[in-house]
């Protein structure tokens, strides 16, 4: 663990991998250090936003370093079931890249529970980890200028769902009608760090 100061109101905790970030994030959510106003996980870092009028950064750092954390399963987080129609334009390419049939790709994607490790790219976009290692595929060689909202995709070790129309270079394997992001809803994002996800095939 490496802890860096971010100006006068933040700490950036560098960790070894996504699983460790998720574990520390889960532990701090349960027992938030005094003065910490927000936690922002990423692939290998965790940013703590601190109110300097209510906390000393050195004290917060000591609290973080002394926080016990294991596998990120201290409590049972929310489970979100996502209905998916697996008709994505890149499904044949994913099958070719993985050596699986298209039906096997679907079975691998729905057969494992995923977890939102962190958000990024666009509001509501969650990076899902924990799926089958057989589905690890590269991004497309050329990004699309328009990916529709609800597109379910793969890239590297991650799966994700595009919350709104945007450019994107992930491999599209399906689509969901679930509204992933709604600024008028509380909370706006369905895919928040720690949320467990099960993809369910619909026809």
N, C-alpha and C. Protein backbone atom coordinates (compact mmCIF):
# COMPACT_ATOMS: atom_id res chain seq x y z
N UNK A 1 0.85 -1.19 0.00
CA UNK A 1 0.00 0.00 0.00
C UNK A 1 0.88 1.24 0.00
N UNK A 2 0.57 2.16 -0.91
CA UNK A 2 1.28 3.45 -0.97
C UNK A 2 0.24 4.55 -0.88
N UNK A 3 0.43 5.52 0.01
CA UNK A 3 -0.53 6.60 0.21
C UNK A 3 0.10 7.92 -0.18
N UNK A 4 -0.56 8.64 -1.11
CA UNK A 4 -0.06 9.91 -1.61
C UNK A 4 -1.04 11.03 -1.27
N UNK A 5 -0.52 12.20 -0.99
CA UNK A 5 -1.37 13.36 -0.74
C UNK A 5 -1.89 13.92 -2.06
N UNK A 6 -3.15 14.33 -2.09
CA UNK A 6 -3.75 14.99 -3.24
C UNK A 6 -4.17 16.38 -2.81
N UNK A 7 -3.34 17.37 -3.13
CA UNK A 7 -3.56 18.75 -2.70
C UNK A 7 -3.76 18.78 -1.19
N UNK A 8 -4.72 19.58 -0.72
CA UNK A 8 -4.92 19.67 0.73
C UNK A 8 -6.21 19.01 1.18
N UNK A 9 -6.82 18.22 0.28
CA UNK A 9 -8.12 17.65 0.65
C UNK A 9 -8.32 16.22 0.16
N UNK A 10 -7.23 15.49 -0.04
CA UNK A 10 -7.41 14.12 -0.51
C UNK A 10 -6.19 13.24 -0.28
N UNK A 11 -6.46 11.94 -0.28
CA UNK A 11 -5.42 10.93 -0.21
C UNK A 11 -5.66 9.92 -1.33
N UNK A 12 -4.61 9.56 -2.03
CA UNK A 12 -4.69 8.54 -3.07
C UNK A 12 -3.96 7.31 -2.58
N UNK A 13 -4.70 6.21 -2.42
CA UNK A 13 -4.12 4.95 -1.94
C UNK A 13 -3.84 4.07 -3.14
N UNK A 14 -2.58 3.74 -3.37
CA UNK A 14 -2.19 2.85 -4.46
C UNK A 14 -2.10 1.43 -3.93
N UNK A 15 -2.75 0.51 -4.66
CA UNK A 15 -2.81 -0.89 -4.24
C UNK A 15 -2.41 -1.79 -5.41
N UNK A 16 -2.28 -3.08 -5.12
CA UNK A 16 -1.72 -3.99 -6.10
C UNK A 16 -2.63 -4.38 -7.24
N UNK A 17 -3.94 -4.49 -6.96
CA UNK A 17 -4.85 -4.97 -7.99
C UNK A 17 -6.28 -4.55 -7.66
N UNK A 18 -7.18 -4.85 -8.58
CA UNK A 18 -8.58 -4.44 -8.44
C UNK A 18 -9.25 -5.10 -7.24
N UNK A 19 -8.94 -6.37 -6.99
CA UNK A 19 -9.56 -7.07 -5.87
C UNK A 19 -9.19 -6.41 -4.54
N UNK A 20 -7.94 -5.98 -4.41
CA UNK A 20 -7.50 -5.33 -3.18
C UNK A 20 -8.18 -3.98 -3.01
N UNK A 21 -8.32 -3.24 -4.11
CA UNK A 21 -9.05 -1.96 -4.06
C UNK A 21 -10.47 -2.20 -3.57
N UNK A 22 -11.12 -3.21 -4.14
CA UNK A 22 -12.51 -3.49 -3.77
C UNK A 22 -12.62 -3.87 -2.29
N UNK A 23 -11.64 -4.63 -1.80
CA UNK A 23 -11.67 -5.05 -0.40
C UNK A 23 -11.50 -3.86 0.54
N UNK A 24 -10.54 -2.99 0.24
CA UNK A 24 -10.34 -1.82 1.10
C UNK A 24 -11.54 -0.88 1.01
N UNK A 25 -12.08 -0.70 -0.17
CA UNK A 25 -13.26 0.15 -0.34
C UNK A 25 -14.41 -0.37 0.51
N UNK A 26 -14.65 -1.68 0.48
CA UNK A 26 -15.75 -2.26 1.26
C UNK A 26 -15.53 -2.06 2.76
N UNK A 27 -14.28 -2.19 3.20
CA UNK A 27 -13.98 -2.01 4.62
C UNK A 27 -14.19 -0.57 5.05
N UNK A 28 -13.77 0.38 4.23
CA UNK A 28 -13.91 1.79 4.59
C UNK A 28 -15.36 2.26 4.50
N UNK A 29 -16.14 1.67 3.60
CA UNK A 29 -17.57 2.00 3.53
C UNK A 29 -18.25 1.65 4.85
N UNK A 30 -17.85 0.52 5.43
CA UNK A 30 -18.45 0.08 6.70
C UNK A 30 -18.04 0.96 7.86
N UNK A 31 -16.81 1.47 7.83
CA UNK A 31 -16.32 2.30 8.94
C UNK A 31 -15.51 3.45 8.35
N UNK A 32 -16.23 4.48 7.92
CA UNK A 32 -15.61 5.61 7.24
C UNK A 32 -14.79 6.45 8.23
N UNK A 33 -13.53 6.71 7.92
CA UNK A 33 -12.73 7.56 8.81
C UNK A 33 -13.35 8.95 8.94
N UNK A 34 -13.20 9.54 10.09
CA UNK A 34 -13.78 10.86 10.35
C UNK A 34 -13.22 11.88 9.36
N UNK A 35 -14.12 12.67 8.77
CA UNK A 35 -13.72 13.71 7.85
C UNK A 35 -13.69 13.29 6.40
N UNK A 36 -13.78 11.99 6.11
CA UNK A 36 -13.79 11.51 4.72
C UNK A 36 -15.19 11.71 4.15
N UNK A 37 -15.27 12.43 3.03
CA UNK A 37 -16.56 12.76 2.43
C UNK A 37 -16.91 11.89 1.23
N UNK A 38 -15.92 11.23 0.63
CA UNK A 38 -16.20 10.42 -0.55
C UNK A 38 -15.07 9.42 -0.76
N UNK A 39 -15.42 8.27 -1.35
CA UNK A 39 -14.46 7.25 -1.74
C UNK A 39 -14.62 7.00 -3.23
N UNK A 40 -13.52 7.06 -3.97
CA UNK A 40 -13.57 6.88 -5.42
C UNK A 40 -12.62 5.77 -5.83
N UNK A 41 -13.12 4.54 -6.00
CA UNK A 41 -12.24 3.44 -6.39
C UNK A 41 -11.93 3.48 -7.88
N UNK A 42 -10.77 2.97 -8.25
CA UNK A 42 -10.38 2.79 -9.65
C UNK A 42 -9.73 1.41 -9.76
N UNK A 43 -9.03 1.16 -10.86
CA UNK A 43 -8.49 -0.18 -11.09
C UNK A 43 -7.47 -0.58 -10.02
N UNK A 44 -6.58 0.34 -9.65
CA UNK A 44 -5.54 0.01 -8.67
C UNK A 44 -5.34 1.11 -7.65
N UNK A 45 -6.28 2.03 -7.57
CA UNK A 45 -6.18 3.12 -6.60
C UNK A 45 -7.53 3.36 -5.94
N UNK A 46 -7.46 4.00 -4.78
CA UNK A 46 -8.67 4.43 -4.07
C UNK A 46 -8.43 5.86 -3.59
N UNK A 47 -9.25 6.79 -4.08
CA UNK A 47 -9.13 8.18 -3.70
C UNK A 47 -10.08 8.48 -2.54
N UNK A 48 -9.54 9.08 -1.49
CA UNK A 48 -10.35 9.52 -0.36
C UNK A 48 -10.43 11.04 -0.41
N UNK A 49 -11.63 11.56 -0.53
CA UNK A 49 -11.83 13.00 -0.45
C UNK A 49 -12.09 13.36 1.01
N UNK A 50 -11.37 14.34 1.49
CA UNK A 50 -11.39 14.67 2.91
C UNK A 50 -11.78 16.13 3.11
N UNK A 51 -12.61 16.37 4.10
CA UNK A 51 -12.94 17.74 4.50
C UNK A 51 -11.87 18.19 5.49
N UNK A 52 -10.94 19.06 5.08
CA UNK A 52 -9.83 19.42 5.97
C UNK A 52 -10.26 20.18 7.21
N UNK A 53 -11.48 20.71 7.20
CA UNK A 53 -11.95 21.40 8.40
C UNK A 53 -12.44 20.43 9.47
N UNK A 54 -12.59 19.14 9.09
CA UNK A 54 -13.08 18.15 10.05
C UNK A 54 -12.12 16.99 10.25
N UNK A 55 -10.98 17.04 9.59
CA UNK A 55 -10.04 15.92 9.73
C UNK A 55 -8.63 16.35 9.39
N UNK A 56 -7.67 15.65 9.96
CA UNK A 56 -6.26 15.84 9.65
C UNK A 56 -5.85 14.72 8.71
N UNK A 57 -5.22 15.09 7.59
CA UNK A 57 -4.85 14.07 6.60
C UNK A 57 -3.95 13.00 7.18
N UNK A 58 -3.06 13.37 8.07
CA UNK A 58 -2.17 12.37 8.68
C UNK A 58 -2.97 11.37 9.50
N UNK A 59 -3.99 11.86 10.21
CA UNK A 59 -4.84 10.96 11.00
C UNK A 59 -5.64 10.03 10.09
N UNK A 60 -6.16 10.58 8.99
CA UNK A 60 -6.91 9.75 8.04
C UNK A 60 -6.00 8.68 7.45
N UNK A 61 -4.77 9.06 7.10
CA UNK A 61 -3.83 8.08 6.56
C UNK A 61 -3.56 6.96 7.56
N UNK A 62 -3.36 7.32 8.82
CA UNK A 62 -3.12 6.30 9.84
C UNK A 62 -4.32 5.38 9.97
N UNK A 63 -5.52 5.96 9.88
CA UNK A 63 -6.73 5.16 9.97
C UNK A 63 -6.84 4.18 8.81
N UNK A 64 -6.51 4.65 7.62
CA UNK A 64 -6.57 3.78 6.43
C UNK A 64 -5.56 2.64 6.57
N UNK A 65 -4.35 2.97 6.97
CA UNK A 65 -3.30 1.95 7.08
C UNK A 65 -3.62 0.91 8.16
N UNK A 66 -4.40 1.29 9.15
CA UNK A 66 -4.73 0.35 10.23
C UNK A 66 -6.05 -0.38 10.01
N UNK A 67 -6.72 -0.08 8.89
CA UNK A 67 -8.01 -0.73 8.61
C UNK A 67 -7.79 -2.16 8.13
N UNK A 68 -8.34 -3.14 8.84
CA UNK A 68 -8.21 -4.53 8.36
C UNK A 68 -9.16 -4.77 7.18
N UNK A 69 -8.67 -5.44 6.18
CA UNK A 69 -9.54 -5.79 5.05
C UNK A 69 -9.04 -7.09 4.45
N UNK A 70 -10.00 -7.85 3.93
CA UNK A 70 -9.66 -9.16 3.38
C UNK A 70 -10.03 -9.27 1.93
N UNK A 71 -11.13 -10.01 1.65
CA UNK A 71 -11.50 -10.29 0.27
C UNK A 71 -12.63 -9.41 -0.24
N UNK A 72 -13.01 -8.38 0.50
CA UNK A 72 -14.07 -7.50 0.05
C UNK A 72 -15.45 -8.04 0.28
N UNK A 73 -15.58 -9.11 1.07
CA UNK A 73 -16.89 -9.74 1.29
C UNK A 73 -17.29 -9.67 2.76
N UNK A 74 -17.04 -8.52 3.38
CA UNK A 74 -17.37 -8.33 4.78
C UNK A 74 -18.88 -8.33 4.99
N UNK A 75 -19.63 -7.92 3.99
CA UNK A 75 -21.08 -7.96 4.05
C UNK A 75 -21.59 -8.37 2.67
N UNK A 76 -22.85 -8.71 2.60
CA UNK A 76 -23.42 -9.17 1.34
C UNK A 76 -23.97 -7.97 0.57
N UNK A 77 -23.27 -7.51 -0.47
CA UNK A 77 -23.73 -6.34 -1.20
C UNK A 77 -24.95 -6.66 -2.06
N UNK A 78 -25.52 -5.61 -2.59
CA UNK A 78 -26.71 -5.72 -3.44
C UNK A 78 -26.45 -6.59 -4.66
N UNK A 79 -27.44 -7.37 -5.05
CA UNK A 79 -27.36 -8.18 -6.27
C UNK A 79 -28.31 -7.59 -7.30
N UNK A 80 -27.78 -7.25 -8.46
CA UNK A 80 -28.58 -6.70 -9.55
C UNK A 80 -28.65 -7.73 -10.68
N UNK A 81 -29.86 -8.09 -11.07
CA UNK A 81 -30.05 -9.01 -12.20
C UNK A 81 -30.30 -8.18 -13.46
N UNK A 82 -29.51 -8.42 -14.49
CA UNK A 82 -29.58 -7.63 -15.72
C UNK A 82 -30.05 -8.52 -16.86
N UNK A 83 -31.27 -8.28 -17.36
CA UNK A 83 -31.76 -9.07 -18.51
C UNK A 83 -31.07 -8.63 -19.79
N UNK A 84 -30.56 -9.59 -20.56
CA UNK A 84 -29.79 -9.26 -21.76
C UNK A 84 -30.29 -10.08 -22.94
N UNK A 85 -30.46 -9.40 -24.07
CA UNK A 85 -30.68 -10.08 -25.34
C UNK A 85 -29.32 -10.17 -26.03
N UNK A 86 -28.83 -11.37 -26.19
CA UNK A 86 -27.47 -11.56 -26.72
C UNK A 86 -27.49 -11.60 -28.25
N UNK A 87 -27.54 -10.40 -28.82
CA UNK A 87 -27.55 -10.28 -30.27
C UNK A 87 -26.55 -9.21 -30.71
N UNK A 88 -25.50 -9.00 -29.93
CA UNK A 88 -24.53 -7.96 -30.23
C UNK A 88 -23.76 -8.21 -31.51
N UNK A 89 -23.41 -7.12 -32.17
CA UNK A 89 -22.75 -7.23 -33.49
C UNK A 89 -21.37 -7.86 -33.39
N UNK A 90 -20.76 -7.81 -32.21
CA UNK A 90 -19.41 -8.37 -32.06
C UNK A 90 -19.42 -9.79 -31.47
N UNK A 91 -20.59 -10.34 -31.24
CA UNK A 91 -20.65 -11.68 -30.65
C UNK A 91 -19.89 -12.71 -31.49
N UNK A 92 -20.04 -12.70 -32.83
CA UNK A 92 -19.26 -13.67 -33.62
C UNK A 92 -17.74 -13.48 -33.47
N UNK A 93 -17.30 -12.21 -33.39
CA UNK A 93 -15.87 -11.95 -33.22
C UNK A 93 -15.38 -12.42 -31.86
N UNK A 94 -16.19 -12.22 -30.82
CA UNK A 94 -15.82 -12.67 -29.49
C UNK A 94 -15.70 -14.19 -29.47
N UNK A 95 -16.62 -14.87 -30.14
CA UNK A 95 -16.55 -16.33 -30.23
C UNK A 95 -15.25 -16.76 -30.91
N UNK A 96 -14.92 -16.07 -31.99
CA UNK A 96 -13.69 -16.41 -32.71
C UNK A 96 -12.45 -16.15 -31.85
N UNK A 97 -12.42 -15.02 -31.16
CA UNK A 97 -11.25 -14.65 -30.36
C UNK A 97 -11.05 -15.59 -29.16
N UNK A 98 -12.14 -16.09 -28.62
CA UNK A 98 -12.05 -16.94 -27.43
C UNK A 98 -11.99 -18.43 -27.76
N UNK A 99 -12.31 -18.78 -29.00
CA UNK A 99 -12.35 -20.19 -29.37
C UNK A 99 -13.62 -20.88 -28.90
N UNK A 100 -14.60 -20.10 -28.50
CA UNK A 100 -15.88 -20.64 -28.05
C UNK A 100 -16.93 -20.48 -29.13
N UNK A 101 -18.02 -21.21 -29.00
CA UNK A 101 -19.16 -20.94 -29.86
C UNK A 101 -19.92 -19.73 -29.29
N UNK A 102 -20.80 -19.17 -30.10
CA UNK A 102 -21.57 -18.02 -29.60
C UNK A 102 -22.42 -18.42 -28.38
N UNK A 103 -22.98 -19.61 -28.41
CA UNK A 103 -23.78 -20.08 -27.27
C UNK A 103 -22.90 -20.27 -26.03
N UNK A 104 -21.66 -20.69 -26.23
CA UNK A 104 -20.75 -20.85 -25.09
C UNK A 104 -20.36 -19.49 -24.52
N UNK A 105 -20.21 -18.49 -25.38
CA UNK A 105 -19.92 -17.14 -24.89
C UNK A 105 -21.04 -16.66 -23.98
N UNK A 106 -22.27 -16.86 -24.42
CA UNK A 106 -23.43 -16.47 -23.61
C UNK A 106 -23.44 -17.23 -22.29
N UNK A 107 -23.17 -18.52 -22.36
CA UNK A 107 -23.17 -19.35 -21.14
C UNK A 107 -22.10 -18.88 -20.16
N UNK A 108 -20.93 -18.51 -20.67
CA UNK A 108 -19.86 -18.03 -19.79
C UNK A 108 -20.24 -16.68 -19.17
N UNK A 109 -20.87 -15.82 -19.96
CA UNK A 109 -21.22 -14.48 -19.47
C UNK A 109 -22.32 -14.54 -18.41
N UNK A 110 -23.26 -15.43 -18.58
CA UNK A 110 -24.37 -15.55 -17.63
C UNK A 110 -24.07 -16.51 -16.49
N UNK A 111 -23.04 -17.32 -16.64
CA UNK A 111 -22.78 -18.38 -15.66
C UNK A 111 -21.96 -17.96 -14.46
N UNK A 112 -21.50 -16.72 -14.45
CA UNK A 112 -20.63 -16.25 -13.38
C UNK A 112 -21.17 -14.94 -12.82
N UNK A 113 -21.02 -14.77 -11.51
CA UNK A 113 -21.41 -13.50 -10.90
C UNK A 113 -20.28 -12.49 -11.08
N UNK A 114 -20.64 -11.29 -11.51
CA UNK A 114 -19.70 -10.20 -11.69
C UNK A 114 -19.85 -9.22 -10.53
N UNK A 115 -18.86 -8.35 -10.35
CA UNK A 115 -18.92 -7.31 -9.32
C UNK A 115 -18.45 -6.00 -9.92
N UNK A 116 -19.14 -4.91 -9.61
CA UNK A 116 -18.70 -3.59 -10.06
C UNK A 116 -17.50 -3.18 -9.22
N UNK A 117 -16.33 -3.08 -9.84
CA UNK A 117 -15.12 -2.72 -9.11
C UNK A 117 -14.95 -1.20 -9.01
N UNK A 118 -15.28 -0.50 -10.08
CA UNK A 118 -15.16 0.96 -10.07
C UNK A 118 -15.94 1.52 -11.25
N UNK A 119 -16.13 2.83 -11.23
CA UNK A 119 -16.82 3.50 -12.32
C UNK A 119 -15.87 4.40 -13.08
N UNK A 120 -16.27 4.79 -14.29
CA UNK A 120 -15.44 5.67 -15.08
C UNK A 120 -15.97 5.80 -16.48
N UNK A 121 -15.23 6.50 -17.33
CA UNK A 121 -15.53 6.68 -18.74
C UNK A 121 -16.72 7.60 -18.96
N UNK A 122 -17.86 7.28 -18.34
CA UNK A 122 -19.07 8.10 -18.45
C UNK A 122 -19.88 7.90 -17.18
N UNK A 123 -20.72 8.87 -16.80
CA UNK A 123 -21.56 8.69 -15.61
C UNK A 123 -22.39 7.41 -15.71
N UNK A 124 -22.28 6.57 -14.69
CA UNK A 124 -23.05 5.33 -14.66
C UNK A 124 -22.37 4.13 -15.27
N UNK A 125 -21.19 4.33 -15.88
CA UNK A 125 -20.50 3.18 -16.48
C UNK A 125 -19.69 2.48 -15.40
N UNK A 126 -20.01 1.22 -15.16
CA UNK A 126 -19.30 0.43 -14.16
C UNK A 126 -18.40 -0.61 -14.80
N UNK A 127 -17.20 -0.74 -14.28
CA UNK A 127 -16.27 -1.77 -14.74
C UNK A 127 -16.50 -3.02 -13.90
N UNK A 128 -17.01 -4.07 -14.55
CA UNK A 128 -17.37 -5.30 -13.86
C UNK A 128 -16.24 -6.32 -13.97
N UNK A 129 -15.89 -6.91 -12.83
CA UNK A 129 -14.84 -7.93 -12.80
C UNK A 129 -15.38 -9.21 -12.17
N UNK A 130 -14.55 -10.25 -12.22
CA UNK A 130 -14.92 -11.51 -11.58
C UNK A 130 -15.57 -12.51 -12.51
N UNK A 131 -15.72 -12.15 -13.78
CA UNK A 131 -16.33 -13.06 -14.74
C UNK A 131 -15.36 -14.14 -15.19
N UNK A 132 -15.80 -14.93 -16.13
CA UNK A 132 -14.99 -16.03 -16.64
C UNK A 132 -13.75 -15.51 -17.34
N UNK A 133 -12.60 -16.10 -17.01
CA UNK A 133 -11.35 -15.72 -17.66
C UNK A 133 -11.36 -16.07 -19.14
N UNK A 134 -12.25 -16.96 -19.55
CA UNK A 134 -12.34 -17.35 -20.96
C UNK A 134 -12.88 -16.23 -21.84
N UNK A 135 -13.47 -15.20 -21.21
CA UNK A 135 -14.07 -14.11 -21.97
C UNK A 135 -13.15 -12.91 -22.12
N UNK A 136 -11.90 -13.02 -21.70
CA UNK A 136 -10.96 -11.91 -21.84
C UNK A 136 -10.63 -11.70 -23.31
N UNK A 137 -11.05 -10.56 -23.85
CA UNK A 137 -10.82 -10.24 -25.26
C UNK A 137 -10.31 -8.80 -25.36
N UNK A 138 -9.55 -8.49 -26.39
CA UNK A 138 -9.06 -7.11 -26.55
C UNK A 138 -10.19 -6.18 -26.99
N UNK A 139 -9.95 -4.90 -26.80
CA UNK A 139 -10.85 -3.90 -27.38
C UNK A 139 -10.82 -4.03 -28.91
N UNK A 140 -11.82 -3.47 -29.55
CA UNK A 140 -11.82 -3.43 -31.00
C UNK A 140 -10.64 -2.61 -31.51
N UNK A 141 -10.17 -2.95 -32.70
CA UNK A 141 -9.06 -2.21 -33.28
C UNK A 141 -9.43 -0.76 -33.57
N UNK A 142 -10.71 -0.52 -33.85
CA UNK A 142 -11.18 0.84 -34.14
C UNK A 142 -12.47 1.08 -33.38
N UNK A 143 -12.52 2.17 -32.65
CA UNK A 143 -13.73 2.47 -31.85
C UNK A 143 -14.88 2.89 -32.75
N UNK A 144 -16.08 2.62 -32.29
CA UNK A 144 -17.28 3.10 -32.97
C UNK A 144 -17.57 4.52 -32.52
N UNK A 145 -18.15 5.31 -33.40
CA UNK A 145 -18.51 6.69 -33.03
C UNK A 145 -19.80 6.72 -32.23
N UNK A 146 -20.64 5.67 -32.37
CA UNK A 146 -21.91 5.63 -31.64
C UNK A 146 -22.19 4.22 -31.16
N UNK A 147 -22.28 4.07 -29.86
CA UNK A 147 -22.71 2.81 -29.24
C UNK A 147 -24.03 3.11 -28.53
N UNK A 148 -25.06 2.31 -28.75
CA UNK A 148 -26.37 2.64 -28.16
C UNK A 148 -26.41 2.41 -26.66
N UNK A 149 -27.29 3.12 -25.96
CA UNK A 149 -27.44 2.88 -24.52
C UNK A 149 -27.93 1.46 -24.27
N UNK A 150 -27.43 0.85 -23.20
CA UNK A 150 -27.83 -0.51 -22.86
C UNK A 150 -26.98 -1.58 -23.52
N UNK A 151 -26.01 -1.18 -24.36
CA UNK A 151 -25.15 -2.18 -25.00
C UNK A 151 -24.29 -2.86 -23.94
N UNK A 152 -24.26 -4.18 -23.98
CA UNK A 152 -23.48 -4.99 -23.04
C UNK A 152 -22.20 -5.41 -23.76
N UNK A 153 -21.06 -5.21 -23.11
CA UNK A 153 -19.80 -5.34 -23.83
C UNK A 153 -18.72 -5.99 -22.99
N UNK A 154 -17.65 -6.36 -23.69
CA UNK A 154 -16.46 -6.96 -23.08
C UNK A 154 -15.21 -6.24 -23.57
N UNK A 155 -14.22 -6.14 -22.68
CA UNK A 155 -12.90 -5.62 -23.06
C UNK A 155 -11.92 -6.03 -21.98
N UNK A 156 -10.85 -6.72 -22.36
CA UNK A 156 -9.90 -7.19 -21.36
C UNK A 156 -10.59 -8.11 -20.38
N UNK A 157 -10.35 -7.89 -19.10
CA UNK A 157 -10.97 -8.71 -18.06
C UNK A 157 -12.35 -8.20 -17.67
N UNK A 158 -12.79 -7.10 -18.27
CA UNK A 158 -13.99 -6.41 -17.82
C UNK A 158 -15.21 -6.69 -18.70
N UNK A 159 -16.37 -6.56 -18.07
CA UNK A 159 -17.63 -6.43 -18.80
C UNK A 159 -18.22 -5.09 -18.39
N UNK A 160 -19.09 -4.55 -19.23
CA UNK A 160 -19.69 -3.26 -18.92
C UNK A 160 -20.97 -3.05 -19.70
N UNK A 161 -21.73 -2.03 -19.30
CA UNK A 161 -22.97 -1.68 -19.97
C UNK A 161 -22.92 -0.18 -20.26
N UNK A 162 -23.08 0.19 -21.51
CA UNK A 162 -23.06 1.60 -21.88
C UNK A 162 -24.32 2.27 -21.34
N UNK A 163 -24.17 3.30 -20.48
CA UNK A 163 -25.34 3.92 -19.87
C UNK A 163 -26.09 4.86 -20.79
N UNK A 164 -25.44 5.35 -21.83
CA UNK A 164 -26.07 6.25 -22.79
C UNK A 164 -25.32 6.15 -24.10
N UNK A 165 -25.87 6.72 -25.15
CA UNK A 165 -25.19 6.67 -26.44
C UNK A 165 -23.87 7.42 -26.36
N UNK A 166 -22.82 6.77 -26.85
CA UNK A 166 -21.49 7.39 -26.78
C UNK A 166 -20.57 6.64 -27.72
N UNK A 167 -19.40 7.21 -28.01
CA UNK A 167 -18.38 6.44 -28.71
C UNK A 167 -17.90 5.30 -27.81
N UNK A 168 -17.32 4.28 -28.42
CA UNK A 168 -16.83 3.18 -27.61
C UNK A 168 -16.10 2.13 -28.43
N UNK A 169 -15.12 1.49 -27.79
CA UNK A 169 -14.32 0.50 -28.50
C UNK A 169 -14.40 -0.90 -27.93
N UNK A 170 -15.38 -1.13 -27.04
CA UNK A 170 -15.52 -2.47 -26.47
C UNK A 170 -16.26 -3.39 -27.43
N UNK A 171 -16.13 -4.70 -27.19
CA UNK A 171 -16.79 -5.72 -28.02
C UNK A 171 -18.25 -5.87 -27.56
N UNK A 172 -19.20 -5.58 -28.45
CA UNK A 172 -20.62 -5.58 -28.10
C UNK A 172 -21.21 -6.98 -28.28
N UNK A 173 -21.71 -7.56 -27.18
CA UNK A 173 -22.25 -8.92 -27.26
C UNK A 173 -23.76 -8.97 -27.03
N UNK A 174 -24.36 -7.89 -26.57
CA UNK A 174 -25.80 -7.92 -26.31
C UNK A 174 -26.32 -6.55 -25.93
N UNK A 175 -27.56 -6.52 -25.44
CA UNK A 175 -28.17 -5.25 -25.03
C UNK A 175 -29.20 -5.51 -23.95
N UNK A 176 -29.40 -4.53 -23.09
CA UNK A 176 -30.40 -4.61 -22.04
C UNK A 176 -31.31 -3.40 -22.09
N UNK A 177 -32.56 -3.58 -21.69
CA UNK A 177 -33.50 -2.47 -21.62
C UNK A 177 -33.43 -1.77 -20.26
N UNK A 178 -32.63 -2.30 -19.35
CA UNK A 178 -32.51 -1.72 -18.02
C UNK A 178 -31.89 -0.32 -18.12
N UNK A 179 -32.49 0.63 -17.41
CA UNK A 179 -31.96 2.00 -17.41
C UNK A 179 -30.81 2.07 -16.40
N UNK A 180 -29.60 2.06 -16.92
CA UNK A 180 -28.41 1.97 -16.08
C UNK A 180 -28.14 3.29 -15.36
N UNK A 181 -28.45 4.41 -15.99
CA UNK A 181 -28.17 5.72 -15.41
C UNK A 181 -29.38 6.63 -15.58
N UNK A 182 -29.79 7.27 -14.50
CA UNK A 182 -30.88 8.24 -14.54
C UNK A 182 -30.59 9.30 -13.50
N UNK A 183 -30.26 10.51 -13.97
CA UNK A 183 -29.86 11.57 -13.06
C UNK A 183 -30.96 11.97 -12.09
N UNK A 184 -32.23 11.65 -12.44
CA UNK A 184 -33.35 12.01 -11.57
C UNK A 184 -33.69 10.92 -10.56
N UNK A 185 -32.93 9.83 -10.56
CA UNK A 185 -33.17 8.71 -9.66
C UNK A 185 -32.16 8.78 -8.51
N UNK A 186 -32.53 8.18 -7.39
CA UNK A 186 -31.60 8.13 -6.25
C UNK A 186 -31.40 6.68 -5.82
N UNK A 187 -30.21 6.11 -5.98
CA UNK A 187 -29.06 6.74 -6.61
C UNK A 187 -29.18 6.72 -8.14
N UNK A 188 -28.51 7.64 -8.83
CA UNK A 188 -28.64 7.69 -10.30
C UNK A 188 -28.10 6.46 -11.00
N UNK A 189 -27.02 5.87 -10.47
CA UNK A 189 -26.35 4.74 -11.13
C UNK A 189 -26.77 3.41 -10.50
N UNK A 190 -27.12 2.45 -11.34
CA UNK A 190 -27.38 1.09 -10.84
C UNK A 190 -26.08 0.36 -10.58
N UNK A 191 -25.06 0.66 -11.39
CA UNK A 191 -23.78 -0.05 -11.28
C UNK A 191 -22.81 0.77 -10.44
N UNK A 192 -22.92 0.60 -9.13
CA UNK A 192 -22.06 1.30 -8.18
C UNK A 192 -21.01 0.33 -7.64
N UNK A 193 -19.84 0.84 -7.25
CA UNK A 193 -18.80 -0.06 -6.73
C UNK A 193 -19.32 -0.97 -5.63
N UNK A 194 -19.04 -2.27 -5.77
CA UNK A 194 -19.48 -3.26 -4.79
C UNK A 194 -20.73 -4.01 -5.18
N UNK A 195 -21.55 -3.45 -6.08
CA UNK A 195 -22.79 -4.12 -6.49
C UNK A 195 -22.44 -5.40 -7.26
N UNK A 196 -23.11 -6.48 -6.88
CA UNK A 196 -22.95 -7.76 -7.60
C UNK A 196 -23.93 -7.80 -8.77
N UNK A 197 -23.51 -8.42 -9.87
CA UNK A 197 -24.32 -8.43 -11.08
C UNK A 197 -24.44 -9.84 -11.62
N UNK A 198 -25.65 -10.21 -11.96
CA UNK A 198 -25.92 -11.46 -12.66
C UNK A 198 -26.60 -11.11 -13.99
N UNK A 199 -25.99 -11.53 -15.09
CA UNK A 199 -26.61 -11.35 -16.40
C UNK A 199 -27.55 -12.51 -16.67
N UNK A 200 -28.75 -12.19 -17.13
CA UNK A 200 -29.78 -13.20 -17.38
C UNK A 200 -30.21 -13.09 -18.84
N UNK A 201 -30.11 -14.17 -19.59
CA UNK A 201 -30.48 -14.14 -21.01
C UNK A 201 -31.98 -14.05 -21.18
N UNK A 202 -32.44 -13.18 -22.08
CA UNK A 202 -33.84 -13.10 -22.47
C UNK A 202 -33.90 -13.26 -23.99
N UNK A 203 -35.01 -13.80 -24.46
CA UNK A 203 -35.16 -14.01 -25.91
C UNK A 203 -36.40 -13.31 -26.40
